[in-house]
Amino acid sequence: MGLGVGIFLIAVGAILTFAVNAHTNGVNLDTVGWILMAVGAAGVLLSLIFWSSWAGPGYWSGRRRATYVDDAPPY
């Protein structure tokens, strides 16, 4: 789950929890909203924690790969 999906789940959960006043027999919409907000927050947190791994290993360490130039004459 990416950052955008996590934010979307938080928004949908907040709408279900705080804006919808419908009552159903089998499903409590407030509980579903809180669950969606918790899953969205966990997704956003995990996306931010693993953000550096998306760029590849060693990208943020400050070391760059050395480029070697071969000055030998062509064959």
PDB file of N, CA and C in Angstrom:
ATOM      1  N   MET A   1       0.859  -1.163   0.000  1.00  0.00           N
ATOM      2  CA  MET A   1       0.000   0.000   0.000  1.00  0.00           C
ATOM      3  C   MET A   1       0.904   1.223   0.000  1.00  0.00           C
ATOM      4  N   GLY A   2       0.606   2.162  -0.843  1.00  0.00           N
ATOM      5  CA  GLY A   2       1.403   3.359  -0.939  1.00  0.00           C
ATOM      6  C   GLY A   2       0.867   4.486  -0.070  1.00  0.00           C
ATOM      7  N   LEU A   3       1.537   5.590  -0.157  1.00  0.00           N
ATOM      8  CA  LEU A   3       1.184   6.761   0.629  1.00  0.00           C
ATOM      9  C   LEU A   3      -0.198   7.289   0.237  1.00  0.00           C
ATOM     10  N   GLY A   4      -0.493   7.315  -1.044  1.00  0.00           N
ATOM     11  CA  GLY A   4      -1.787   7.821  -1.503  1.00  0.00           C
ATOM     12  C   GLY A   4      -2.953   6.958  -1.058  1.00  0.00           C
ATOM     13  N   VAL A   5      -2.770   5.641  -1.101  1.00  0.00           N
ATOM     14  CA  VAL A   5      -3.836   4.732  -0.669  1.00  0.00           C
ATOM     15  C   VAL A   5      -4.072   4.870   0.830  1.00  0.00           C
ATOM     16  N   GLY A   6      -3.000   5.038   1.598  1.00  0.00           N
ATOM     17  CA  GLY A   6      -3.150   5.220   3.040  1.00  0.00           C
ATOM     18  C   GLY A   6      -3.915   6.484   3.381  1.00  0.00           C
ATOM     19  N   ILE A   7      -3.602   7.563   2.690  1.00  0.00           N
ATOM     20  CA  ILE A   7      -4.312   8.822   2.930  1.00  0.00           C
ATOM     21  C   ILE A   7      -5.772   8.692   2.513  1.00  0.00           C
ATOM     22  N   PHE A   8      -6.024   7.989   1.413  1.00  0.00           N
ATOM     23  CA  PHE A   8      -7.397   7.761   0.968  1.00  0.00           C
ATOM     24  C   PHE A   8      -8.186   6.959   2.003  1.00  0.00           C
ATOM     25  N   LEU A   9      -7.585   5.914   2.570  1.00  0.00           N
ATOM     26  CA  LEU A   9      -8.271   5.118   3.592  1.00  0.00           C
ATOM     27  C   LEU A   9      -8.561   5.934   4.844  1.00  0.00           C
ATOM     28  N   ILE A  10      -7.637   6.796   5.225  1.00  0.00           N
ATOM     29  CA  ILE A  10      -7.872   7.666   6.382  1.00  0.00           C
ATOM     30  C   ILE A  10      -9.054   8.596   6.100  1.00  0.00           C
ATOM     31  N   ALA A  11      -9.108   9.155   4.902  1.00  0.00           N
ATOM     32  CA  ALA A  11     -10.204  10.070   4.558  1.00  0.00           C
ATOM     33  C   ALA A  11     -11.544   9.350   4.533  1.00  0.00           C
ATOM     34  N   VAL A  12     -11.599   8.167   3.925  1.00  0.00           N
ATOM     35  CA  VAL A  12     -12.857   7.420   3.880  1.00  0.00           C
ATOM     36  C   VAL A  12     -13.284   7.010   5.285  1.00  0.00           C
ATOM     37  N   GLY A  13     -12.327   6.577   6.108  1.00  0.00           N
ATOM     38  CA  GLY A  13     -12.659   6.209   7.484  1.00  0.00           C
ATOM     39  C   GLY A  13     -13.170   7.384   8.294  1.00  0.00           C
ATOM     40  N   ALA A  14     -12.565   8.555   8.101  1.00  0.00           N
ATOM     41  CA  ALA A  14     -13.034   9.741   8.814  1.00  0.00           C
ATOM     42  C   ALA A  14     -14.433  10.141   8.370  1.00  0.00           C
ATOM     43  N   ILE A  15     -14.711  10.010   7.091  1.00  0.00           N
ATOM     44  CA  ILE A  15     -16.058  10.326   6.613  1.00  0.00           C
ATOM     45  C   ILE A  15     -17.072   9.371   7.220  1.00  0.00           C
ATOM     46  N   LEU A  16     -16.751   8.073   7.220  1.00  0.00           N
ATOM     47  CA  LEU A  16     -17.688   7.101   7.797  1.00  0.00           C
ATOM     48  C   LEU A  16     -17.879   7.317   9.302  1.00  0.00           C
ATOM     49  N   THR A  17     -16.817   7.696   9.996  1.00  0.00           N
ATOM     50  CA  THR A  17     -16.905   7.845  11.447  1.00  0.00           C
ATOM     51  C   THR A  17     -17.617   9.132  11.859  1.00  0.00           C
ATOM     52  N   PHE A  18     -17.253  10.231  11.233  1.00  0.00           N
ATOM     53  CA  PHE A  18     -17.709  11.525  11.729  1.00  0.00           C
ATOM     54  C   PHE A  18     -18.841  12.161  10.914  1.00  0.00           C
ATOM     55  N   ALA A  19     -19.042  11.763   9.666  1.00  0.00           N
ATOM     56  CA  ALA A  19     -20.011  12.458   8.829  1.00  0.00           C
ATOM     57  C   ALA A  19     -21.261  11.648   8.513  1.00  0.00           C
ATOM     58  N   VAL A  20     -21.182  10.337   8.596  1.00  0.00           N
ATOM     59  CA  VAL A  20     -22.321   9.502   8.231  1.00  0.00           C
ATOM     60  C   VAL A  20     -23.102   9.162   9.494  1.00  0.00           C
ATOM     61  N   ASN A  21     -24.396   9.428   9.483  1.00  0.00           N
ATOM     62  CA  ASN A  21     -25.243   9.149  10.634  1.00  0.00           C
ATOM     63  C   ASN A  21     -26.265   8.053  10.347  1.00  0.00           C
ATOM     64  N   ALA A  22     -25.944   7.152   9.448  1.00  0.00           N
ATOM     65  CA  ALA A  22     -26.859   6.061   9.106  1.00  0.00           C
ATOM     66  C   ALA A  22     -26.724   4.933  10.121  1.00  0.00           C
ATOM     67  N   HIS A  23     -27.801   4.230  10.347  1.00  0.00           N
ATOM     68  CA  HIS A  23     -27.800   3.091  11.261  1.00  0.00           C
ATOM     69  C   HIS A  23     -28.171   1.838  10.483  1.00  0.00           C
ATOM     70  N   THR A  24     -27.356   0.825  10.586  1.00  0.00           N
ATOM     71  CA  THR A  24     -27.624  -0.439   9.917  1.00  0.00           C
ATOM     72  C   THR A  24     -27.733  -1.539  10.959  1.00  0.00           C
ATOM     73  N   ASN A  25     -28.358  -2.635  10.588  1.00  0.00           N
ATOM     74  CA  ASN A  25     -28.548  -3.730  11.541  1.00  0.00           C
ATOM     75  C   ASN A  25     -27.304  -4.581  11.717  1.00  0.00           C
ATOM     76  N   GLY A  26     -26.582  -4.871  10.636  1.00  0.00           N
ATOM     77  CA  GLY A  26     -25.485  -5.817  10.726  1.00  0.00           C
ATOM     78  C   GLY A  26     -24.111  -5.208  10.872  1.00  0.00           C
ATOM     79  N   VAL A  27     -23.952  -3.939  10.500  1.00  0.00           N
ATOM     80  CA  VAL A  27     -22.623  -3.333  10.457  1.00  0.00           C
ATOM     81  C   VAL A  27     -22.650  -1.999  11.187  1.00  0.00           C
ATOM     82  N   ASN A  28     -21.697  -1.800  12.071  1.00  0.00           N
ATOM     83  CA  ASN A  28     -21.549  -0.512  12.741  1.00  0.00           C
ATOM     84  C   ASN A  28     -20.583   0.340  11.914  1.00  0.00           C
ATOM     85  N   LEU A  29     -21.091   1.381  11.261  1.00  0.00           N
ATOM     86  CA  LEU A  29     -20.271   2.189  10.368  1.00  0.00           C
ATOM     87  C   LEU A  29     -19.191   2.966  11.115  1.00  0.00           C
ATOM     88  N   ASP A  30     -19.433   3.311  12.378  1.00  0.00           N
ATOM     89  CA  ASP A  30     -18.393   3.983  13.158  1.00  0.00           C
ATOM     90  C   ASP A  30     -17.186   3.070  13.348  1.00  0.00           C
ATOM     91  N   THR A  31     -17.446   1.811  13.635  1.00  0.00           N
ATOM     92  CA  THR A  31     -16.346   0.857  13.819  1.00  0.00           C
ATOM     93  C   THR A  31     -15.597   0.627  12.520  1.00  0.00           C
ATOM     94  N   VAL A  32     -16.322   0.515  11.414  1.00  0.00           N
ATOM     95  CA  VAL A  32     -15.672   0.349  10.114  1.00  0.00           C
ATOM     96  C   VAL A  32     -14.811   1.571   9.803  1.00  0.00           C
ATOM     97  N   GLY A  33     -15.288   2.750  10.120  1.00  0.00           N
ATOM     98  CA  GLY A  33     -14.504   3.968   9.902  1.00  0.00           C
ATOM     99  C   GLY A  33     -13.240   4.002  10.726  1.00  0.00           C
ATOM    100  N   TRP A  34     -13.336   3.620  11.993  1.00  0.00           N
ATOM    101  CA  TRP A  34     -12.136   3.594  12.846  1.00  0.00           C
ATOM    102  C   TRP A  34     -11.127   2.563  12.346  1.00  0.00           C
ATOM    103  N   ILE A  35     -11.621   1.422  11.886  1.00  0.00           N
ATOM    104  CA  ILE A  35     -10.715   0.399  11.351  1.00  0.00           C
ATOM    105  C   ILE A  35     -10.022   0.902  10.086  1.00  0.00           C
ATOM    106  N   LEU A  36     -10.769   1.545   9.195  1.00  0.00           N
ATOM    107  CA  LEU A  36     -10.158   2.085   7.978  1.00  0.00           C
ATOM    108  C   LEU A  36      -9.130   3.159   8.301  1.00  0.00           C
ATOM    109  N   MET A  37      -9.412   4.008   9.280  1.00  0.00           N
ATOM    110  CA  MET A  37      -8.433   5.028   9.660  1.00  0.00           C
ATOM    111  C   MET A  37      -7.171   4.402  10.246  1.00  0.00           C
ATOM    112  N   ALA A  38      -7.318   3.343  11.044  1.00  0.00           N
ATOM    113  CA  ALA A  38      -6.155   2.675  11.630  1.00  0.00           C
ATOM    114  C   ALA A  38      -5.314   1.992  10.553  1.00  0.00           C
ATOM    115  N   VAL A  39      -5.970   1.320   9.617  1.00  0.00           N
ATOM    116  CA  VAL A  39      -5.227   0.660   8.533  1.00  0.00           C
ATOM    117  C   VAL A  39      -4.541   1.698   7.647  1.00  0.00           C
ATOM    118  N   GLY A  40      -5.215   2.793   7.358  1.00  0.00           N
ATOM    119  CA  GLY A  40      -4.605   3.859   6.567  1.00  0.00           C
ATOM    120  C   GLY A  40      -3.424   4.498   7.260  1.00  0.00           C
ATOM    121  N   ALA A  41      -3.545   4.734   8.571  1.00  0.00           N
ATOM    122  CA  ALA A  41      -2.430   5.316   9.324  1.00  0.00           C
ATOM    123  C   ALA A  41      -1.246   4.362   9.365  1.00  0.00           C
ATOM    124  N   ALA A  42      -1.506   3.070   9.528  1.00  0.00           N
ATOM    125  CA  ALA A  42      -0.418   2.085   9.516  1.00  0.00           C
ATOM    126  C   ALA A  42       0.249   2.051   8.140  1.00  0.00           C
ATOM    127  N   GLY A  43      -0.541   2.143   7.080  1.00  0.00           N
ATOM    128  CA  GLY A  43       0.027   2.164   5.734  1.00  0.00           C
ATOM    129  C   GLY A  43       0.878   3.390   5.476  1.00  0.00           C
ATOM    130  N   VAL A  44       0.413   4.551   5.931  1.00  0.00           N
ATOM    131  CA  VAL A  44       1.202   5.779   5.765  1.00  0.00           C
ATOM    132  C   VAL A  44       2.497   5.678   6.561  1.00  0.00           C
ATOM    133  N   LEU A  45       2.410   5.184   7.776  1.00  0.00           N
ATOM    134  CA  LEU A  45       3.607   5.050   8.615  1.00  0.00           C
ATOM    135  C   LEU A  45       4.612   4.091   7.988  1.00  0.00           C
ATOM    136  N   LEU A  46       4.154   2.957   7.517  1.00  0.00           N
ATOM    137  CA  LEU A  46       5.068   2.002   6.880  1.00  0.00           C
ATOM    138  C   LEU A  46       5.645   2.564   5.589  1.00  0.00           C
ATOM    139  N   SER A  47       4.858   3.311   4.832  1.00  0.00           N
ATOM    140  CA  SER A  47       5.384   3.928   3.618  1.00  0.00           C
ATOM    141  C   SER A  47       6.490   4.918   3.935  1.00  0.00           C
ATOM    142  N   LEU A  48       6.324   5.686   4.997  1.00  0.00           N
ATOM    143  CA  LEU A  48       7.357   6.655   5.362  1.00  0.00           C
ATOM    144  C   LEU A  48       8.598   5.977   5.927  1.00  0.00           C
ATOM    145  N   ILE A  49       8.404   4.870   6.647  1.00  0.00           N
ATOM    146  CA  ILE A  49       9.558   4.154   7.205  1.00  0.00           C
ATOM    147  C   ILE A  49      10.394   3.539   6.092  1.00  0.00           C
ATOM    148  N   PHE A  50       9.732   2.932   5.116  1.00  0.00           N
ATOM    149  CA  PHE A  50      10.446   2.250   4.049  1.00  0.00           C
ATOM    150  C   PHE A  50      10.678   3.127   2.824  1.00  0.00           C
ATOM    151  N   TRP A  51      10.495   4.423   2.950  1.00  0.00           N
ATOM    152  CA  TRP A  51      10.654   5.349   1.836  1.00  0.00           C
ATOM    153  C   TRP A  51      12.068   5.274   1.257  1.00  0.00           C
ATOM    154  N   SER A  52      13.076   5.186   2.118  1.00  0.00           N
ATOM    155  CA  SER A  52      14.461   5.187   1.638  1.00  0.00           C
ATOM    156  C   SER A  52      14.800   3.916   0.877  1.00  0.00           C
ATOM    157  N   SER A  53      14.118   2.816   1.166  1.00  0.00           N
ATOM    158  CA  SER A  53      14.441   1.584   0.460  1.00  0.00           C
ATOM    159  C   SER A  53      13.917   1.599  -0.971  1.00  0.00           C
ATOM    160  N   TRP A  54      12.981   2.504  -1.311  1.00  0.00           N
ATOM    161  CA  TRP A  54      12.468   2.573  -2.673  1.00  0.00           C
ATOM    162  C   TRP A  54      13.524   3.071  -3.643  1.00  0.00           C
ATOM    163  N   ALA A  55      14.449   3.896  -3.157  1.00  0.00           N
ATOM    164  CA  ALA A  55      15.465   4.457  -4.033  1.00  0.00           C
ATOM    165  C   ALA A  55      16.601   3.471  -4.273  1.00  0.00           C
ATOM    166  N   GLY A  56      16.593   2.360  -3.587  1.00  0.00           N
ATOM    167  CA  GLY A  56      17.650   1.373  -3.745  1.00  0.00           C
ATOM    168  C   GLY A  56      18.602   1.421  -2.570  1.00  0.00           C
ATOM    169  N   PRO A  57      19.313   0.342  -2.344  1.00  0.00           N
ATOM    170  CA  PRO A  57      20.222   0.303  -1.201  1.00  0.00           C
ATOM    171  C   PRO A  57      21.388   1.263  -1.377  1.00  0.00           C
ATOM    172  N   GLY A  58      21.694   1.979  -0.342  1.00  0.00           N
ATOM    173  CA  GLY A  58      22.842   2.876  -0.349  1.00  0.00           C
ATOM    174  C   GLY A  58      22.618   4.215  -1.002  1.00  0.00           C
ATOM    175  N   TYR A  59      21.402   4.506  -1.428  1.00  0.00           N
ATOM    176  CA  TYR A  59      21.171   5.767  -2.128  1.00  0.00           C
ATOM    177  C   TYR A  59      21.329   6.963  -1.198  1.00  0.00           C
ATOM    178  N   TRP A  60      20.827   6.855   0.023  1.00  0.00           N
ATOM    179  CA  TRP A  60      20.859   7.980   0.950  1.00  0.00           C
ATOM    180  C   TRP A  60      22.113   8.012   1.794  1.00  0.00           C
ATOM    181  N   SER A  61      23.030   7.083   1.632  1.00  0.00           N
ATOM    182  CA  SER A  61      24.217   7.046   2.486  1.00  0.00           C
ATOM    183  C   SER A  61      25.263   8.076   2.078  1.00  0.00           C
ATOM    184  N   GLY A  62      25.094   8.724   0.947  1.00  0.00           N
ATOM    185  CA  GLY A  62      26.029   9.761   0.536  1.00  0.00           C
ATOM    186  C   GLY A  62      27.126   9.230  -0.367  1.00  0.00           C
ATOM    187  N   ARG A  63      27.293   7.937  -0.450  1.00  0.00           N
ATOM    188  CA  ARG A  63      28.316   7.361  -1.325  1.00  0.00           C
ATOM    189  C   ARG A  63      27.723   7.140  -2.709  1.00  0.00           C
ATOM    190  N   ARG A  64      28.429   7.551  -3.689  1.00  0.00           N
ATOM    191  CA  ARG A  64      28.009   7.341  -5.061  1.00  0.00           C
ATOM    192  C   ARG A  64      28.921   6.293  -5.692  1.00  0.00           C
ATOM    193  N   ARG A  65      28.420   5.644  -6.693  1.00  0.00           N
ATOM    194  CA  ARG A  65      29.235   4.673  -7.404  1.00  0.00           C
ATOM    195  C   ARG A  65      30.266   5.402  -8.245  1.00  0.00           C
ATOM    196  N   ALA A  66      31.466   4.870  -8.227  1.00  0.00           N
ATOM    197  CA  ALA A  66      32.547   5.476  -9.007  1.00  0.00           C
ATOM    198  C   ALA A  66      32.419   5.049 -10.463  1.00  0.00           C
ATOM    199  N   THR A  67      32.720   5.965 -11.366  1.00  0.00           N
ATOM    200  CA  THR A  67      32.710   5.665 -12.773  1.00  0.00           C
ATOM    201  C   THR A  67      34.147   5.612 -13.247  1.00  0.00           C
ATOM    202  N   TYR A  68      34.531   4.519 -13.859  1.00  0.00           N
ATOM    203  CA  TYR A  68      35.885   4.347 -14.345  1.00  0.00           C
ATOM    204  C   TYR A  68      35.911   4.555 -15.851  1.00  0.00           C
ATOM    205  N   VAL A  69      36.858   5.351 -16.278  1.00  0.00           N
ATOM    206  CA  VAL A  69      36.994   5.653 -17.698  1.00  0.00           C
ATOM    207  C   VAL A  69      38.238   4.928 -18.199  1.00  0.00           C
ATOM    208  N   ASP A  70      38.068   4.131 -19.231  1.00  0.00           N
ATOM    209  CA  ASP A  70      39.180   3.395 -19.823  1.00  0.00           C
ATOM    210  C   ASP A  70      39.712   4.214 -20.982  1.00  0.00           C
ATOM    211  N   ASP A  71      40.920   4.703 -20.844  1.00  0.00           N
ATOM    212  CA  ASP A  71      41.527   5.546 -21.891  1.00  0.00           C
ATOM    213  C   ASP A  71      42.327   4.742 -22.904  1.00  0.00           C
ATOM    214  N   ALA A  72      42.147   3.472 -22.947  1.00  0.00           N
ATOM    215  CA  ALA A  72      42.892   2.650 -23.900  1.00  0.00           C
ATOM    216  C   ALA A  72      42.375   2.924 -25.311  1.00  0.00           C
ATOM    217  N   PRO A  73      43.259   2.820 -26.293  1.00  0.00           N
ATOM    218  CA  PRO A  73      42.810   3.049 -27.673  1.00  0.00           C
ATOM    219  C   PRO A  73      41.848   1.927 -28.118  1.00  0.00           C
ATOM    220  N   PRO A  74      40.912   2.268 -28.984  1.00  0.00           N
ATOM    221  CA  PRO A  74      39.987   1.232 -29.464  1.00  0.00           C
ATOM    222  C   PRO A  74      40.716   0.203 -30.326  1.00  0.00           C
ATOM    223  N   TYR A  75      40.194  -0.980 -30.417  1.00  0.00           N
ATOM    224  CA  TYR A  75      40.821  -2.060 -31.189  1.00  0.00           C
ATOM    225  C   TYR A  75      40.629  -1.868 -32.653  1.00  0.00           C
TER     226      TYR A  75
END
